[in-house]
Protein backbone atom coordinates (compact mmCIF):
# COMPACT_ATOMS: atom_id res chain seq x y z
CA MET A 1 -141.29 55.24 169.41
CA HIS A 2 -138.79 52.10 170.69
CA VAL A 3 -135.46 52.31 168.77
CA MET A 4 -131.91 50.48 169.98
CA LEU A 5 -129.32 52.98 171.26
CA GLY A 6 -126.68 51.79 172.48
CA TYR A 7 -123.24 52.67 174.80
CA LEU A 8 -121.08 55.44 174.67
CA LEU A 9 -117.67 53.29 175.47
CA GLN A 10 -116.37 55.32 178.41
CA GLN A 11 -120.08 53.76 179.91
CA VAL A 12 -119.15 50.40 180.09
CA SER A 13 -117.38 48.20 182.75
CA ASN A 14 -113.71 47.89 181.55
CA TYR A 15 -114.33 48.23 178.25
CA GLU A 16 -110.89 47.42 176.98
CA LYS A 17 -111.50 44.03 177.69
CA PHE A 18 -115.71 44.16 176.56
CA LEU A 19 -113.25 45.56 172.86
CA GLU A 20 -110.94 42.06 173.03
CA THR A 21 -113.70 39.67 173.93
CA HIS A 22 -116.64 40.59 171.68
CA GLU A 23 -116.84 40.42 167.66
CA PHE A 24 -118.03 43.45 166.30
CA TYR A 25 -118.89 45.23 162.63
CA TYR A 26 -118.49 49.18 162.68
CA GLU A 27 -119.95 52.30 160.71
CA PRO A 28 -119.85 55.99 160.96
CA LYS A 29 -121.93 57.45 163.51
CA ILE A 30 -123.93 60.73 162.50
CA ASP A 31 -124.42 63.12 164.49
CA GLY A 32 -128.13 64.61 163.87
CA ILE A 33 -131.57 63.71 164.41
CA ARG A 34 -132.74 59.78 165.06
CA ALA A 35 -135.50 59.28 162.01
CA ILE A 36 -137.98 56.74 161.92
CA THR A 37 -139.71 56.77 158.74
CA PHE A 38 -142.71 54.31 157.78
CA PRO A 39 -144.37 53.37 154.61
CA ASP A 40 -146.24 56.43 154.44
CA GLY A 41 -143.51 58.67 154.32
CA THR A 42 -144.34 59.93 158.21
CA VAL A 43 -141.15 60.22 160.25
CA TYR A 44 -140.96 60.99 163.53
CA SER A 45 -138.27 60.94 166.19
CA ARG A 46 -136.66 58.82 168.70
CA TYR A 47 -139.51 60.02 171.58
CA GLY A 48 -142.34 59.93 169.33
CA ASN A 49 -142.36 63.63 168.20
CA ARG A 50 -143.56 63.75 163.95
CA LEU A 51 -140.35 65.43 162.49
CA ASN A 52 -141.42 68.34 160.16
CA VAL A 53 -140.52 66.56 156.76
CA SER A 54 -141.91 63.94 154.51
CA PHE A 55 -139.83 60.90 152.43
CA SER A 56 -143.37 60.15 151.03
CA ASP A 57 -141.09 59.38 147.52
CA LEU A 58 -138.83 55.76 149.52
CA LYS A 59 -140.24 52.71 148.62
CA ILE A 60 -140.73 50.73 152.18
CA PRO A 61 -141.64 47.22 152.37
CA LYS A 62 -145.03 47.29 153.84
CA GLY A 63 -144.98 46.57 157.46
CA PHE A 64 -141.10 47.78 157.80
CA VAL A 65 -139.81 51.10 159.13
CA LEU A 66 -136.30 52.79 158.17
CA ASP A 67 -134.32 53.60 161.39
CA GLY A 68 -131.34 56.34 160.88
CA GLU A 69 -130.26 60.51 161.43
CA ILE A 70 -131.22 62.99 159.63
CA ILE A 71 -128.91 65.47 159.39
CA SER A 72 -129.62 69.43 157.67
CA LYS A 73 -126.73 70.48 155.16
CA GLU A 74 -126.07 73.49 157.31
CA GLY A 75 -124.54 71.99 160.72
CA PHE A 76 -126.12 70.23 163.87
CA TYR A 77 -127.65 73.72 165.00
CA LYS A 78 -129.57 74.17 162.45
CA SER A 79 -131.04 70.83 162.41
CA GLY A 80 -133.53 71.99 164.77
CA VAL A 81 -135.79 73.04 162.40
CA ILE A 82 -136.82 69.63 160.76
CA LYS A 83 -138.40 69.13 164.78
CA ALA A 84 -140.22 72.45 163.96
CA LYS A 85 -144.30 72.86 163.02
CA HIS A 86 -143.78 75.78 160.17
CA LYS A 87 -143.22 74.82 156.53
CA GLN A 88 -142.17 71.77 155.65
CA VAL A 89 -138.05 71.16 155.13
CA ASN A 90 -137.06 70.99 151.87
CA LEU A 91 -135.28 67.63 150.80
CA LYS A 92 -132.53 69.41 148.98
CA ASP A 93 -131.13 71.28 152.64
CA ILE A 94 -130.64 67.43 154.52
CA ARG A 95 -129.23 64.13 154.36
CA TYR A 96 -131.43 61.05 155.73
CA TYR A 97 -128.34 58.28 155.93
CA ILE A 98 -130.16 55.19 157.02
CA PHE A 99 -128.71 52.23 158.71
CA ASP A 100 -131.21 49.91 160.04
CA ILE A 101 -134.97 48.21 158.80
CA VAL A 102 -136.87 46.29 160.77
CA PRO A 103 -141.20 45.55 161.59
CA GLU A 104 -143.32 48.31 162.28
CA GLU A 105 -144.50 46.56 165.52
CA THR A 106 -140.78 47.02 166.97
CA VAL A 107 -140.74 50.67 167.30
CA LYS A 108 -144.67 51.20 167.70
CA LYS A 109 -144.70 47.32 170.49
CA GLY A 110 -141.01 47.86 171.41
CA LYS A 111 -141.13 43.91 170.54
CA THR A 112 -137.18 42.81 169.88
CA TYR A 113 -136.39 41.57 166.50
CA GLU A 114 -134.87 38.46 166.47
CA LYS A 115 -133.39 39.13 162.99
CA PRO A 116 -129.82 39.51 162.86
CA ILE A 117 -127.73 42.07 162.00
CA GLU A 118 -126.32 40.68 158.89
CA GLU A 119 -129.72 39.81 157.22
CA ARG A 120 -131.03 43.26 158.01
CA LYS A 121 -127.96 44.69 155.99
CA LEU A 122 -129.16 42.35 153.39
CA MET A 123 -133.17 43.60 153.44
CA LEU A 124 -131.68 46.95 153.13
CA ILE A 125 -129.91 46.38 150.40
CA ASP A 126 -132.98 45.78 148.67
CA VAL A 127 -134.67 48.47 149.71
CA LYS A 128 -131.75 50.28 148.78
CA LYS A 129 -131.53 48.98 145.00
CA LEU A 130 -135.88 50.56 145.25
CA ASN A 131 -134.23 53.94 146.05
CA LYS A 132 -130.97 54.15 143.90
CA SER A 133 -132.53 58.01 141.94
CA VAL A 134 -133.68 58.84 145.27
CA PRO A 135 -131.03 62.24 146.16
CA TYR A 136 -131.30 62.51 149.89
CA VAL A 137 -130.04 59.23 151.07
CA THR A 138 -126.91 57.05 152.10
CA PHE A 139 -127.67 53.80 153.11
CA PHE A 140 -125.57 51.95 155.50
CA THR A 141 -125.57 48.79 154.56
CA GLU A 142 -121.76 47.86 154.49
CA LEU A 143 -120.78 45.00 157.46
CA LYS A 144 -116.65 45.88 158.06
CA LYS A 145 -115.35 44.05 161.01
CA TYR A 146 -113.28 45.68 163.90
CA LYS A 147 -110.10 44.04 164.30
CA ASP A 148 -108.41 47.16 166.45
CA GLY A 149 -109.27 45.44 169.74
CA LYS A 150 -108.08 47.83 172.86
CA ASN A 151 -107.16 50.27 170.13
CA PHE A 152 -110.29 51.88 169.12
CA LYS A 153 -108.44 55.03 168.93
CA LYS A 154 -106.50 54.59 166.16
CA LEU A 155 -109.85 53.44 163.87
CA LEU A 156 -111.06 56.98 165.60
CA LYS A 157 -109.04 58.97 163.04
CA GLN A 158 -110.60 57.31 159.99
CA PHE A 159 -114.05 59.09 160.80
CA GLU A 160 -113.07 62.78 161.39
CA ASN A 161 -115.58 64.03 159.20
CA TYR A 162 -118.57 62.41 161.51
CA GLU A 163 -119.56 62.51 165.18
CA GLY A 164 -117.21 59.02 165.29
CA TYR A 165 -118.12 55.16 165.00
CA ILE A 166 -120.70 52.95 166.45
CA LEU A 167 -119.72 48.88 166.77
CA LYS A 168 -122.10 46.43 166.11
CA GLN A 169 -121.96 43.01 167.29
CA VAL A 170 -121.54 40.65 165.32
CA LYS A 171 -125.15 38.24 165.06
CA SER A 172 -126.53 40.68 166.99
CA ILE A 173 -130.41 41.27 166.64
CA TYR A 174 -132.38 44.18 167.39
CA ILE A 175 -133.48 45.39 170.93
CA PRO A 176 -135.47 48.03 171.17
CA ARG A 177 -134.00 50.02 174.13
CA ARG A 178 -130.30 50.77 174.90
CA THR A 179 -128.22 47.90 175.03
CA LYS A 180 -124.14 46.98 174.63
CA LEU A 181 -124.65 44.99 171.39
CA TRP A 182 -124.19 48.96 170.51
CA ILE A 183 -121.34 50.81 171.33
CA LYS A 184 -119.93 54.53 170.41
CA VAL A 185 -117.14 55.47 170.30
CA LYS A 186 -117.22 59.26 169.51
CA HIS A 187 -114.07 61.80 169.57
CA LEU A 188 -114.35 63.58 172.95
CA ILE A 189 -112.64 66.34 174.91
CA ASP A 190 -112.83 65.93 178.94
CA ILE A 191 -113.41 69.36 180.84
CA ASP A 192 -113.11 70.04 184.24
CA ALA A 193 -116.08 71.89 185.64
CA VAL A 194 -117.31 73.00 189.26
CA VAL A 195 -120.17 71.81 190.91
CA VAL A 196 -122.47 74.06 192.02
CA GLY A 197 -125.86 71.89 192.29
CA PHE A 198 -127.71 68.49 191.98
CA GLU A 199 -130.66 67.69 190.29
CA VAL A 200 -133.16 65.23 192.27
CA SER A 201 -134.69 62.32 190.13
CA LYS A 202 -138.26 61.80 189.64
CA LYS A 203 -137.49 58.32 189.26
CA ILE A 204 -135.05 56.94 191.55
CA PRO A 205 -136.15 57.34 195.56
CA ASN A 206 -133.57 59.48 197.18
CA ALA A 207 -131.05 59.43 194.25
CA ILE A 208 -130.21 62.65 191.63
CA ALA A 209 -130.56 62.28 188.07
CA ALA A 210 -127.85 65.16 187.31
CA ILE A 211 -125.15 67.38 188.68
CA VAL A 212 -125.26 71.04 187.60
CA VAL A 213 -121.76 72.42 187.05
CA LYS A 214 -120.54 75.75 185.89
CA TYR A 215 -117.47 76.05 183.63
CA LYS A 216 -116.27 79.66 182.17
CA ASN A 217 -119.53 81.21 183.83
CA ARG A 218 -121.98 78.74 181.84
CA GLU A 219 -124.12 76.78 183.54
CA PHE A 220 -125.58 73.11 182.37
CA LYS A 221 -126.64 69.47 183.54
CA VAL A 222 -124.28 66.13 183.40
CA GLY A 223 -126.69 63.21 183.87
CA THR A 224 -124.97 60.43 182.53
CA GLY A 225 -122.70 58.14 183.34
CA PHE A 226 -123.43 57.04 187.37
CA THR A 227 -125.50 53.78 187.99
CA GLU A 228 -128.26 54.18 190.26
CA LYS A 229 -126.05 53.18 193.63
CA GLN A 230 -123.93 56.32 192.65
CA ARG A 231 -126.65 58.53 192.40
CA GLN A 232 -127.71 57.54 195.67
CA ILE A 233 -124.96 58.48 197.28
CA LEU A 234 -124.73 61.67 195.57
CA TYR A 235 -127.73 62.46 196.70
CA GLN A 236 -126.70 61.59 200.45
CA LEU A 237 -123.30 64.51 200.14
CA GLN A 238 -124.97 67.01 198.10
CA ASP A 239 -124.98 69.88 200.32
CA GLU A 240 -121.20 68.65 200.55
CA LEU A 241 -119.99 68.38 197.60
CA ILE A 242 -120.76 71.74 196.07
CA GLY A 243 -117.62 73.39 195.24
CA SER A 244 -116.02 70.24 194.49
CA VAL A 245 -114.42 69.60 190.79
CA VAL A 246 -115.98 67.30 188.70
CA ASN A 247 -114.32 65.84 184.98
CA ILE A 248 -116.38 65.29 182.37
CA SER A 249 -116.56 64.23 179.01
CA ALA A 250 -118.22 66.38 176.06
CA LEU A 251 -118.52 66.44 172.52
CA GLU A 252 -117.66 69.71 172.25
CA ILE A 253 -118.47 72.49 174.01
CA THR A 254 -121.57 74.54 171.89
CA PRO A 255 -121.09 78.21 170.62
CA TYR A 256 -123.45 78.48 174.02
CA GLY A 257 -121.42 77.33 176.42
CA ALA A 258 -123.12 74.15 177.59
CA ALA A 259 -120.76 71.10 176.86
CA ARG A 260 -122.60 68.58 174.39
CA HIS A 261 -123.40 65.13 174.67
CA ASN A 262 -121.75 65.14 177.92
CA SER A 263 -120.99 62.15 180.62
CA PHE A 264 -119.54 61.78 184.01
CA ASN A 265 -116.31 60.46 184.56
CA TYR A 266 -115.41 61.32 188.29
CA PHE A 267 -114.42 63.69 190.82
CA ASN A 268 -111.24 64.98 191.09
CA CYS A 269 -108.20 64.81 194.26
CA SER A 270 -109.75 68.42 195.46
CA ILE A 271 -113.05 66.23 197.17
CA PRO A 272 -112.92 67.10 201.03
CA LYS A 273 -110.68 64.81 202.83
CA LYS A 274 -113.73 63.60 204.71
CA LEU A 275 -115.86 62.24 201.94
CA LYS A 276 -112.61 61.25 200.53
CA LYS A 277 -113.24 57.34 201.61
CA ILE A 278 -116.95 56.87 200.45
CA LEU A 279 -116.59 58.44 197.17
CA CYS A 280 -113.69 55.76 196.35
CA GLN A 281 -115.94 52.93 197.43
CA TYR A 282 -118.19 53.97 194.65
CA GLN A 283 -116.09 54.59 192.31
CA LEU A 284 -116.91 58.26 191.99
CA VAL A 285 -113.67 59.73 192.18
CA LYS A 286 -110.19 59.61 190.33
CA PRO A 287 -108.59 55.99 190.62
CA ASP A 288 -105.14 58.19 191.68
CA CYS A 289 -106.99 59.90 194.54
CA CYS A 290 -107.92 56.53 195.73
CA PHE A 291 -104.24 55.18 196.65
CA GLU A 292 -102.26 56.36 199.43
CA LYS A 293 -98.63 57.71 199.03
CA LYS A 294 -96.15 56.40 200.57
CA GLU A 295 -93.59 58.37 202.56
CA SER A 296 -90.37 58.30 201.39
C-alpha cells in the first residue's frame, strides 16, 4: 500500500522555526495499526498485508478507500491479533479511527491525490453521515487550527490518552510517501544506551541501517534519526564506536525491554577524542560536546 506518512518532529531540521513558518491543523495521533479499508470491507496494513478483520458493514464511496488506525480495546500489545491468521477478530474488541479518504489508485499505485485536506475532510463528513449507526468507528473530521507555534509541548497535555498529536499543513494534498506535510508530535522519553554493534544497510552502499544498543541488559536496534551521510560516516567508524553511549528518544520501554518507536538523537561526550572532530562535523554528537571549554 502507498500511504501518506509524517515525520517525527525531532527528525525535522530546525523544527521550532518550521512550526512557526507553516500553518497547521492538528488532531490526535492514534497508537494502533495503520488500516486501509476498501468498499468491499477488506482491510490492509500499510505494508499491503491483509488484516484479520472485515468492515463489510461500512459504506464507502465506490473507487475510494478510508485511511485510519485500528486499535485493540485491550491495548497496543494485543493489537497483533489483528494481523494473525486465526479466527477473525470480533468488531466489539476494536476501534477504527478514520482520518482520511482517498481514491483507490492512490494507495494501489502511489498516485498523489491533489484534493486539499479541507475538501477531503468534507468528503469524510459525508461518509460519517452514511455510517452513523456503525458502533466501532470514530471519524476525525474536525480541523482545529494549531496556534502554539514552537510551544508544541503545551498542546501535548491535551492528548495524555493518545500517542500524541499530528500536525497537518493547511491546504496540504495527499502524497503517498513520507512527507513534512504531516508532523508527528509524541510523548517521548530520552534514554542513554550503550552501542554494542551495527547493522549494515542493504539499500545504501557502505552505510549502516541501524545501531544495535543495550539498555538494562536488553538489546534492540535504532534505525531512524540519521541522514544518509551520517549512515555512511558511522559505517566507516563502526568498530571504533563500540562501547560508546548514545542518547535516543522513544515512546516507551516495552515490558520486553525494547524502546518502542525509537529514534537516534546523538552520541554523548564520552566518545573517543580522536573521533570527536568528525562526529561533530556531521552533527552526530551532543552540541555541547563540540564547544571547546575556555580555561579560566
